[in-house]
N, C-alpha and C. Protein backbone atom coordinates (compact mmCIF):
# COMPACT_ATOMS: atom_id res chain seq x y z
N MET A 1 -120.87 -110.89 233.13
CA MET A 1 -119.81 -110.80 232.39
C MET A 1 -119.37 -109.30 232.28
N ALA A 2 -118.05 -109.24 232.72
CA ALA A 2 -117.68 -107.60 232.86
C ALA A 2 -116.92 -107.28 231.50
N THR A 3 -117.23 -106.02 231.01
CA THR A 3 -116.65 -105.65 229.86
C THR A 3 -115.49 -104.72 230.09
N THR A 4 -114.64 -104.59 229.19
CA THR A 4 -113.54 -103.76 229.30
C THR A 4 -113.87 -102.52 228.78
N ALA A 5 -113.57 -101.35 229.52
CA ALA A 5 -113.66 -100.12 229.13
C ALA A 5 -112.92 -99.70 228.00
N PRO A 6 -113.10 -98.69 227.12
CA PRO A 6 -112.32 -98.50 225.93
C PRO A 6 -111.06 -97.91 226.40
N ASP A 7 -111.01 -97.02 227.48
CA ASP A 7 -109.65 -96.49 228.02
C ASP A 7 -108.72 -97.65 228.43
N GLU A 8 -109.38 -98.71 229.17
CA GLU A 8 -108.37 -99.75 229.58
C GLU A 8 -107.77 -100.57 228.23
N ALA A 9 -108.51 -100.72 227.21
CA ALA A 9 -107.96 -101.38 225.97
C ALA A 9 -106.88 -100.57 225.54
N ALA A 10 -107.02 -99.34 225.51
CA ALA A 10 -105.91 -98.38 224.86
C ALA A 10 -104.69 -98.31 225.73
N ARG A 11 -104.67 -98.68 226.96
CA ARG A 11 -103.46 -98.56 227.74
C ARG A 11 -102.39 -99.49 227.44
N PRO A 12 -101.05 -98.93 227.45
CA PRO A 12 -100.17 -99.97 227.10
C PRO A 12 -99.89 -101.18 228.06
N LEU A 13 -99.60 -102.35 227.74
CA LEU A 13 -99.31 -103.27 228.80
C LEU A 13 -98.29 -103.19 229.72
N VAL A 14 -97.02 -102.26 229.32
CA VAL A 14 -95.80 -102.07 230.10
C VAL A 14 -96.14 -100.60 230.78
N ARG A 15 -95.81 -100.42 231.95
CA ARG A 15 -95.74 -99.19 232.62
C ARG A 15 -94.85 -98.29 232.08
N PRO A 16 -95.06 -96.97 232.02
CA PRO A 16 -93.98 -96.08 231.46
C PRO A 16 -92.66 -96.07 232.23
N TYR A 17 -92.57 -96.36 233.51
CA TYR A 17 -91.24 -96.30 234.26
C TYR A 17 -90.34 -97.69 233.93
N ALA A 18 -91.31 -98.64 233.41
CA ALA A 18 -90.64 -99.94 232.94
C ALA A 18 -89.97 -99.49 231.48
N MET A 19 -90.78 -98.87 230.61
CA MET A 19 -90.16 -98.58 229.37
C MET A 19 -88.89 -97.84 229.41
N SER A 20 -88.73 -96.86 230.41
CA SER A 20 -87.54 -95.95 230.48
C SER A 20 -86.72 -96.70 231.45
N GLY A 21 -86.74 -97.82 232.14
CA GLY A 21 -85.94 -98.40 232.95
C GLY A 21 -85.72 -97.56 234.17
N GLY A 22 -86.92 -96.97 234.41
CA GLY A 22 -86.93 -96.17 235.70
C GLY A 22 -86.43 -94.84 235.75
N ARG A 23 -85.59 -94.46 234.48
CA ARG A 23 -85.06 -93.11 234.25
C ARG A 23 -86.06 -92.06 234.19
N THR A 24 -85.52 -90.97 234.66
CA THR A 24 -86.70 -89.74 234.56
C THR A 24 -85.86 -88.59 233.75
N ARG A 25 -84.52 -88.86 233.60
CA ARG A 25 -83.79 -87.74 232.80
C ARG A 25 -82.71 -88.21 231.84
N THR A 26 -82.33 -87.41 230.95
CA THR A 26 -81.39 -87.79 229.84
C THR A 26 -80.00 -87.04 229.98
N ARG A 27 -79.10 -87.41 229.36
CA ARG A 27 -77.76 -86.71 229.17
C ARG A 27 -78.00 -85.63 228.38
N HIS A 28 -79.13 -85.66 227.39
CA HIS A 28 -79.05 -84.75 226.35
C HIS A 28 -80.31 -83.84 226.62
N VAL A 29 -80.23 -82.67 226.16
CA VAL A 29 -81.53 -81.68 226.47
C VAL A 29 -82.15 -81.88 225.13
N ILE A 30 -83.33 -82.45 225.11
CA ILE A 30 -84.19 -82.59 223.75
C ILE A 30 -85.47 -81.97 224.01
N ALA A 31 -85.63 -80.99 223.35
CA ALA A 31 -87.00 -80.29 223.13
C ALA A 31 -88.10 -80.89 222.71
N ILE A 32 -89.23 -80.70 223.18
CA ILE A 32 -90.39 -81.48 222.48
C ILE A 32 -90.69 -81.38 221.07
N GLU A 33 -90.12 -80.13 220.64
CA GLU A 33 -90.43 -79.94 219.05
C GLU A 33 -89.02 -80.34 218.42
N ALA A 34 -88.07 -80.77 218.94
CA ALA A 34 -86.79 -81.36 218.20
C ALA A 34 -87.41 -82.37 217.21
N LEU A 35 -86.78 -82.35 216.03
CA LEU A 35 -87.16 -83.35 214.94
C LEU A 35 -86.15 -84.44 214.82
N VAL A 36 -86.91 -85.60 214.71
CA VAL A 36 -86.08 -86.96 214.86
C VAL A 36 -86.20 -87.74 213.56
N VAL A 37 -85.25 -88.40 213.17
CA VAL A 37 -85.14 -89.15 211.84
C VAL A 37 -84.20 -90.37 212.20
N THR A 38 -84.67 -91.45 211.81
CA THR A 38 -84.01 -92.82 211.89
C THR A 38 -82.62 -92.69 210.91
N THR A 39 -81.54 -93.03 211.35
CA THR A 39 -80.34 -93.09 210.56
C THR A 39 -79.77 -94.53 210.22
N ALA A 40 -80.31 -95.41 211.00
CA ALA A 40 -79.89 -96.89 210.98
C ALA A 40 -80.78 -97.52 210.09
N GLY A 41 -80.16 -98.63 209.72
CA GLY A 41 -81.06 -99.50 208.69
C GLY A 41 -82.04 -100.34 209.62
N PRO A 42 -82.87 -100.97 208.91
CA PRO A 42 -83.86 -101.98 209.69
C PRO A 42 -83.20 -103.06 210.37
N GLU A 43 -82.08 -103.52 210.14
CA GLU A 43 -81.27 -104.43 210.95
C GLU A 43 -80.79 -104.08 212.34
N ALA A 44 -80.84 -102.70 212.50
CA ALA A 44 -80.42 -102.15 213.77
C ALA A 44 -81.48 -102.30 214.92
N ALA A 45 -82.60 -102.53 214.47
CA ALA A 45 -83.58 -102.60 215.49
C ALA A 45 -83.62 -104.07 216.03
N VAL A 46 -83.02 -105.09 215.49
CA VAL A 46 -83.08 -106.51 216.04
C VAL A 46 -82.46 -106.24 217.54
N GLY A 47 -82.86 -106.88 218.46
CA GLY A 47 -82.54 -107.00 219.75
C GLY A 47 -82.95 -105.82 220.66
N LEU A 48 -83.51 -104.87 220.16
CA LEU A 48 -83.81 -103.64 220.72
C LEU A 48 -85.33 -103.82 221.59
N LEU A 49 -85.56 -103.12 222.52
CA LEU A 49 -86.84 -103.00 223.26
C LEU A 49 -88.07 -102.61 222.15
N PRO A 50 -89.00 -103.33 222.24
CA PRO A 50 -90.19 -103.09 221.23
C PRO A 50 -90.34 -101.51 221.21
N GLU A 51 -90.45 -100.87 222.31
CA GLU A 51 -90.63 -99.24 222.19
C GLU A 51 -89.71 -98.57 221.25
N HIS A 52 -88.36 -99.07 221.46
CA HIS A 52 -87.32 -98.45 220.58
C HIS A 52 -87.62 -98.89 219.19
N GLN A 53 -87.91 -99.98 218.89
CA GLN A 53 -88.15 -100.50 217.39
C GLN A 53 -89.27 -99.70 216.82
N ARG A 54 -90.38 -99.38 217.65
CA ARG A 54 -91.55 -98.78 217.18
C ARG A 54 -90.93 -97.29 216.82
N ILE A 55 -90.14 -96.55 217.64
CA ILE A 55 -89.63 -95.31 217.42
C ILE A 55 -88.87 -95.19 216.00
N LEU A 56 -87.92 -96.22 216.05
CA LEU A 56 -87.02 -96.46 214.80
C LEU A 56 -88.03 -96.41 213.36
N HIS A 57 -89.21 -97.37 213.56
CA HIS A 57 -89.97 -97.50 212.46
C HIS A 57 -90.75 -96.15 212.21
N LEU A 58 -91.15 -95.67 213.03
CA LEU A 58 -91.97 -94.37 212.89
C LEU A 58 -91.12 -93.27 212.46
N CYS A 59 -89.82 -93.08 212.91
CA CYS A 59 -89.00 -91.99 212.41
C CYS A 59 -88.38 -92.24 211.11
N ARG A 60 -88.83 -93.06 210.39
CA ARG A 60 -88.27 -93.16 208.99
C ARG A 60 -88.49 -91.98 208.24
N GLU A 61 -89.77 -91.36 208.58
CA GLU A 61 -90.03 -90.03 208.28
C GLU A 61 -89.81 -89.12 209.47
N ILE A 62 -89.38 -87.81 209.19
CA ILE A 62 -89.17 -87.05 210.22
C ILE A 62 -90.33 -86.73 211.21
N LYS A 63 -90.17 -86.81 212.36
CA LYS A 63 -91.11 -86.58 213.42
C LYS A 63 -90.65 -85.60 214.51
N SER A 64 -91.39 -85.07 215.26
CA SER A 64 -90.96 -84.37 216.43
C SER A 64 -91.19 -85.09 217.70
N VAL A 65 -90.49 -84.89 218.63
CA VAL A 65 -90.66 -85.77 219.94
C VAL A 65 -92.04 -85.73 220.46
N ALA A 66 -92.66 -84.61 220.36
CA ALA A 66 -94.16 -84.53 220.71
C ALA A 66 -94.93 -85.51 219.93
N GLU A 67 -94.66 -85.57 218.38
CA GLU A 67 -95.45 -86.52 217.65
C GLU A 67 -95.25 -87.90 218.11
N ILE A 68 -93.78 -88.23 218.22
CA ILE A 68 -93.75 -89.59 218.70
C ILE A 68 -94.37 -90.00 220.07
N SER A 69 -94.39 -89.01 220.93
CA SER A 69 -95.02 -89.35 222.16
C SER A 69 -96.70 -89.67 221.93
N ALA A 70 -97.22 -88.67 221.18
CA ALA A 70 -98.68 -88.93 220.87
C ALA A 70 -99.03 -90.05 220.04
N LEU A 71 -98.08 -90.32 218.78
CA LEU A 71 -98.67 -91.53 217.90
C LEU A 71 -98.18 -92.87 218.72
N LEU A 72 -97.32 -92.88 219.48
CA LEU A 72 -97.05 -94.24 220.30
C LEU A 72 -97.72 -94.18 221.69
N THR A 73 -98.51 -93.25 221.95
CA THR A 73 -99.43 -93.02 223.22
C THR A 73 -98.57 -93.46 224.36
N MET A 74 -97.48 -92.63 224.47
CA MET A 74 -96.55 -92.79 225.61
C MET A 74 -96.13 -91.28 226.34
N PRO A 75 -95.99 -91.31 227.42
CA PRO A 75 -95.76 -89.93 227.98
C PRO A 75 -94.70 -89.27 227.32
N LEU A 76 -94.66 -87.90 227.47
CA LEU A 76 -93.46 -87.36 226.75
C LEU A 76 -92.26 -87.45 227.49
N GLY A 77 -92.05 -87.69 228.70
CA GLY A 77 -90.79 -87.86 229.36
C GLY A 77 -90.08 -89.20 229.02
N VAL A 78 -91.04 -90.18 228.84
CA VAL A 78 -90.55 -91.50 228.34
C VAL A 78 -90.16 -91.46 226.88
N ALA A 79 -90.88 -90.81 225.98
CA ALA A 79 -90.40 -90.54 224.52
C ALA A 79 -89.10 -89.94 224.46
N LYS A 80 -88.80 -88.80 225.23
CA LYS A 80 -87.55 -88.29 225.32
C LYS A 80 -86.47 -89.12 225.61
N ILE A 81 -86.70 -89.96 226.87
CA ILE A 81 -85.70 -90.78 227.17
C ILE A 81 -85.25 -92.12 226.14
N LEU A 82 -86.14 -92.41 225.60
CA LEU A 82 -86.14 -93.41 224.43
C LEU A 82 -85.44 -92.88 223.13
N VAL A 83 -85.85 -91.76 222.97
CA VAL A 83 -85.07 -91.04 221.82
C VAL A 83 -83.60 -90.66 222.12
N ALA A 84 -83.54 -90.36 223.53
CA ALA A 84 -81.92 -90.32 223.83
C ALA A 84 -81.11 -91.63 223.96
N ASP A 85 -81.88 -92.57 223.91
CA ASP A 85 -81.09 -93.97 224.19
C ASP A 85 -80.81 -94.37 222.56
N LEU A 86 -81.70 -94.03 221.62
CA LEU A 86 -81.36 -94.29 220.30
C LEU A 86 -80.35 -93.23 219.63
N LEU A 87 -80.40 -92.09 220.08
CA LEU A 87 -79.12 -91.09 219.63
C LEU A 87 -77.96 -91.48 220.22
N GLU A 88 -77.93 -91.97 221.56
CA GLU A 88 -76.56 -92.56 222.04
C GLU A 88 -76.15 -93.60 221.38
N ALA A 89 -77.02 -94.53 220.80
CA ALA A 89 -76.50 -95.71 220.07
C ALA A 89 -76.27 -95.50 218.66
N GLY A 90 -76.58 -94.18 218.12
CA GLY A 90 -76.21 -93.68 216.72
C GLY A 90 -77.34 -94.25 215.77
N PHE A 91 -78.38 -94.39 216.36
CA PHE A 91 -79.76 -95.01 215.39
C PHE A 91 -80.42 -93.93 214.87
N VAL A 92 -80.41 -92.87 215.59
CA VAL A 92 -81.34 -91.85 215.19
C VAL A 92 -80.60 -90.09 215.03
N SER A 93 -81.00 -89.36 214.53
CA SER A 93 -80.17 -88.03 214.87
C SER A 93 -81.55 -87.16 214.91
N PHE A 94 -81.03 -86.05 215.42
CA PHE A 94 -82.21 -85.07 215.80
C PHE A 94 -81.75 -83.74 215.71
N GLN A 95 -82.77 -82.71 215.17
CA GLN A 95 -82.39 -81.28 215.07
C GLN A 95 -83.19 -80.47 216.28
N GLN A 96 -82.52 -79.80 216.87
CA GLN A 96 -83.01 -78.92 217.95
C GLN A 96 -83.72 -77.64 217.32
N PRO A 97 -84.65 -77.29 217.96
CA PRO A 97 -85.15 -75.86 217.55
C PRO A 97 -84.03 -74.75 217.63
N ALA A 98 -84.18 -73.72 216.91
CA ALA A 98 -83.12 -72.76 217.19
C ALA A 98 -83.10 -72.14 218.59
N ALA A 99 -84.23 -71.96 219.19
CA ALA A 99 -84.39 -71.29 220.59
C ALA A 99 -83.59 -72.17 221.46
N ALA A 100 -83.85 -73.66 221.44
CA ALA A 100 -83.23 -74.43 222.32
C ALA A 100 -81.85 -74.45 222.08
N LEU A 101 -81.32 -74.21 220.93
CA LEU A 101 -79.69 -74.19 220.67
C LEU A 101 -79.11 -72.98 221.27
N SER A 102 -79.72 -71.95 221.24
CA SER A 102 -79.11 -70.58 221.57
C SER A 102 -79.27 -70.42 223.06
N GLY A 103 -80.12 -71.13 223.73
CA GLY A 103 -80.43 -71.06 225.11
C GLY A 103 -81.27 -69.80 225.25
N GLY A 104 -81.85 -69.22 224.18
CA GLY A 104 -82.58 -67.95 224.36
C GLY A 104 -83.85 -68.24 224.41
N THR A 105 -84.80 -67.04 224.44
CA THR A 105 -86.26 -67.20 224.57
C THR A 105 -86.89 -67.64 223.18
N PRO A 106 -87.93 -68.03 223.23
CA PRO A 106 -88.63 -68.31 221.94
C PRO A 106 -89.05 -66.94 221.26
N ASP A 107 -89.38 -67.19 219.88
CA ASP A 107 -89.70 -66.19 219.11
C ASP A 107 -91.20 -65.70 219.63
N VAL A 108 -91.17 -64.49 219.85
CA VAL A 108 -92.41 -63.96 220.24
C VAL A 108 -93.42 -63.93 219.32
N THR A 109 -93.17 -63.80 218.02
CA THR A 109 -94.10 -63.90 216.94
C THR A 109 -94.51 -65.19 216.69
N LEU A 110 -93.94 -66.14 217.15
CA LEU A 110 -94.37 -67.71 217.00
C LEU A 110 -95.29 -67.69 218.08
N LEU A 111 -94.90 -67.38 219.14
CA LEU A 111 -95.74 -67.47 220.37
C LEU A 111 -97.12 -66.72 220.30
N GLU A 112 -97.05 -65.65 219.50
CA GLU A 112 -98.26 -64.95 219.27
C GLU A 112 -99.38 -65.81 218.23
N ARG A 113 -98.59 -66.39 217.49
CA ARG A 113 -99.33 -67.21 216.29
C ARG A 113 -99.94 -68.52 216.96
N VAL A 114 -99.20 -69.02 217.92
CA VAL A 114 -99.81 -70.20 218.60
C VAL A 114 -100.88 -69.91 219.50
N LEU A 115 -100.74 -68.76 220.22
CA LEU A 115 -101.87 -68.06 221.04
C LEU A 115 -103.02 -67.75 220.32
N SER A 116 -103.00 -67.20 219.10
CA SER A 116 -104.08 -66.96 218.15
C SER A 116 -104.85 -68.06 217.75
N GLY A 117 -103.93 -69.28 217.44
CA GLY A 117 -104.50 -70.33 216.92
C GLY A 117 -105.28 -71.15 218.02
N LEU A 118 -104.70 -70.89 219.21
CA LEU A 118 -105.33 -71.69 220.43
C LEU A 118 -106.80 -70.81 220.58
N ARG A 119 -106.78 -69.45 220.61
CA ARG A 119 -108.06 -68.84 220.80
C ARG A 119 -109.16 -69.17 219.84
N LYS A 120 -108.63 -69.48 218.42
CA LYS A 120 -109.63 -69.88 217.43
C LYS A 120 -110.25 -71.16 217.76
N LEU A 121 -109.72 -72.11 218.47
CA LEU A 121 -110.02 -73.29 218.89
C LEU A 121 -111.58 -73.22 219.63
């Protein structure tokens, strides 16, 4: 009798390219640290793909795109595409980080703090 490996049980049943409809890019530039919040009521989820519904439910509280990806165990690129779909439909809003809005470089102080935190791990 064959047993299922723990990793196999955790894998989604739908392949990532199927979740995104084969798309790899969005019309919106969405940073991984962009904050997303649901702006539509629960009735908006009716008829949406299960992945879109999960994002709407999860983002009742503000989450970053990276958190959405991690919590829903989906690739970051797929999470960005699905968030962009919801944004275009008017179901979510998002706040880009200041560096992404200005097109400038990230804050050096922030990068130093992140590097310091990584070294402590």
